[in-house]
Amino acid sequence: MWTDPATGEIIESYTMLTLNADHHPLMRRMHKPKADRSATAQDKRSVIPIEMADTDQWLSGSMEDAKQLLRLAPVDVFDAAPITAPTSGGGLVQDTLL
């Protein structure tokens, strides 16, 4: 939170830190490529989760302490799996990811 100096209003704010996820087994599958950008100009990004148990290290630790927390979440924390989705022709296709 911060206080607007002009009005005195208290403003809630946040930021989301991200890391390149080009090689993450799940996150690399997100977002369609953009045809007008080269492959090197459109990396996959993923939010960096900070666990509740790590908030003191994140907020009060040194820069080195904080850097240790800059990592992508492991695949097993996600609830994602292929599903079988109906096609327009009445058949089934299993390539949709939740």
Protein backbone atom coordinates (compact mmCIF):
# COMPACT_ATOMS: atom_id res chain seq x y z
CA MET A 1 0.00 0.00 0.00
CA TRP A 2 1.03 3.56 -0.51
CA THR A 3 -0.45 6.96 0.20
CA ASP A 4 -1.20 9.33 -2.67
CA PRO A 5 0.62 12.53 -1.65
CA ALA A 6 -1.90 14.74 -3.46
CA THR A 7 -5.04 13.32 -1.86
CA GLY A 8 -3.90 11.34 1.17
CA GLU A 9 -5.81 8.35 -0.21
CA ILE A 10 -4.35 4.96 0.71
CA ILE A 11 -3.90 2.91 -2.46
CA GLU A 12 -3.55 -0.87 -2.46
CA SER A 13 -1.15 -2.11 -5.10
CA TYR A 14 0.74 -5.22 -6.04
CA THR A 15 3.12 -6.58 -8.59
CA MET A 16 3.51 -9.95 -10.22
CA LEU A 17 7.04 -11.15 -10.80
CA THR A 18 7.54 -13.48 -13.73
CA LEU A 19 10.26 -15.71 -15.08
CA ASN A 20 10.86 -17.16 -18.50
CA ALA A 21 9.00 -20.49 -18.73
CA ASP A 22 10.05 -21.59 -22.22
CA HIS A 23 11.30 -24.92 -20.83
CA HIS A 24 8.71 -25.52 -18.09
CA PRO A 25 6.80 -28.73 -18.95
CA LEU A 26 3.37 -27.14 -18.41
CA MET A 27 3.73 -23.37 -18.68
CA ARG A 28 5.49 -23.54 -22.08
CA ARG A 29 2.16 -24.76 -23.49
CA MET A 30 0.34 -21.53 -22.60
CA HIS A 31 -0.31 -18.64 -24.99
CA LYS A 32 -0.45 -19.00 -28.73
CA PRO A 33 2.57 -17.71 -30.65
CA LYS A 34 2.13 -14.32 -32.29
CA ALA A 35 2.74 -14.44 -36.02
CA ASP A 36 4.15 -10.90 -36.13
CA ARG A 37 6.93 -11.63 -33.60
CA SER A 38 10.03 -13.77 -33.89
CA ALA A 39 10.40 -16.79 -31.61
CA THR A 40 13.01 -14.95 -29.53
CA ALA A 41 10.64 -12.01 -28.97
CA GLN A 42 7.79 -13.96 -27.44
CA ASP A 43 9.01 -16.04 -24.55
CA LYS A 44 6.61 -17.89 -22.29
CA ARG A 45 6.24 -16.26 -18.87
CA SER A 46 5.05 -17.65 -15.55
CA VAL A 47 4.29 -15.94 -12.27
CA ILE A 48 6.76 -16.66 -9.47
CA PRO A 49 4.82 -18.01 -6.48
CA ILE A 50 6.07 -16.97 -3.05
CA GLU A 51 4.90 -19.50 -0.46
CA MET A 52 3.44 -18.16 2.79
CA ALA A 53 6.31 -19.81 4.70
CA ASP A 54 8.77 -17.72 2.61
CA THR A 55 7.19 -14.27 3.04
CA ASP A 56 9.58 -13.19 5.82
CA GLN A 57 12.55 -14.22 3.67
CA TRP A 58 11.04 -12.31 0.73
CA LEU A 59 10.09 -9.16 2.64
CA SER A 60 12.84 -8.91 5.25
CA GLY A 61 15.77 -10.90 3.90
CA SER A 62 18.75 -9.79 1.91
CA MET A 63 18.83 -9.53 -1.86
CA GLU A 64 20.48 -12.98 -1.94
CA ASP A 65 17.68 -14.37 0.28
CA ALA A 66 15.09 -13.01 -2.15
CA LYS A 67 16.92 -14.33 -5.22
CA GLN A 68 16.69 -17.86 -3.79
CA LEU A 69 12.90 -17.60 -4.11
CA LEU A 70 12.94 -16.71 -7.82
CA ARG A 71 11.94 -20.07 -9.26
CA LEU A 72 9.07 -21.52 -11.24
CA ALA A 73 6.52 -23.69 -9.50
CA PRO A 74 7.03 -27.43 -10.00
CA VAL A 75 4.56 -29.13 -12.34
CA ASP A 76 3.02 -31.23 -9.57
CA VAL A 77 1.49 -28.19 -7.82
CA PHE A 78 -0.78 -27.55 -10.81
CA ASP A 79 -4.14 -29.24 -11.26
CA ALA A 80 -3.83 -29.61 -15.02
CA ALA A 81 -4.37 -32.62 -17.24
CA PRO A 82 -5.57 -33.38 -20.73
CA ILE A 83 -9.32 -33.80 -21.02
CA THR A 84 -11.48 -35.44 -23.61
CA ALA A 85 -13.48 -32.79 -25.42
CA PRO A 86 -16.29 -33.36 -27.92
CA THR A 87 -15.64 -32.32 -31.52
CA SER A 88 -18.19 -30.71 -33.80
CA GLY A 89 -18.51 -34.04 -35.66
CA GLY A 90 -19.59 -35.89 -32.51
CA GLY A 91 -16.23 -37.61 -32.00
CA LEU A 92 -13.81 -37.02 -29.15
CA VAL A 93 -10.44 -35.36 -29.15
CA GLN A 94 -7.97 -35.46 -26.27
CA ASP A 95 -5.72 -32.47 -26.68
CA THR A 96 -7.38 -29.80 -24.58
CA LEU A 97 -5.50 -28.78 -21.46
CA LEU A 98 -7.28 -27.44 -18.40
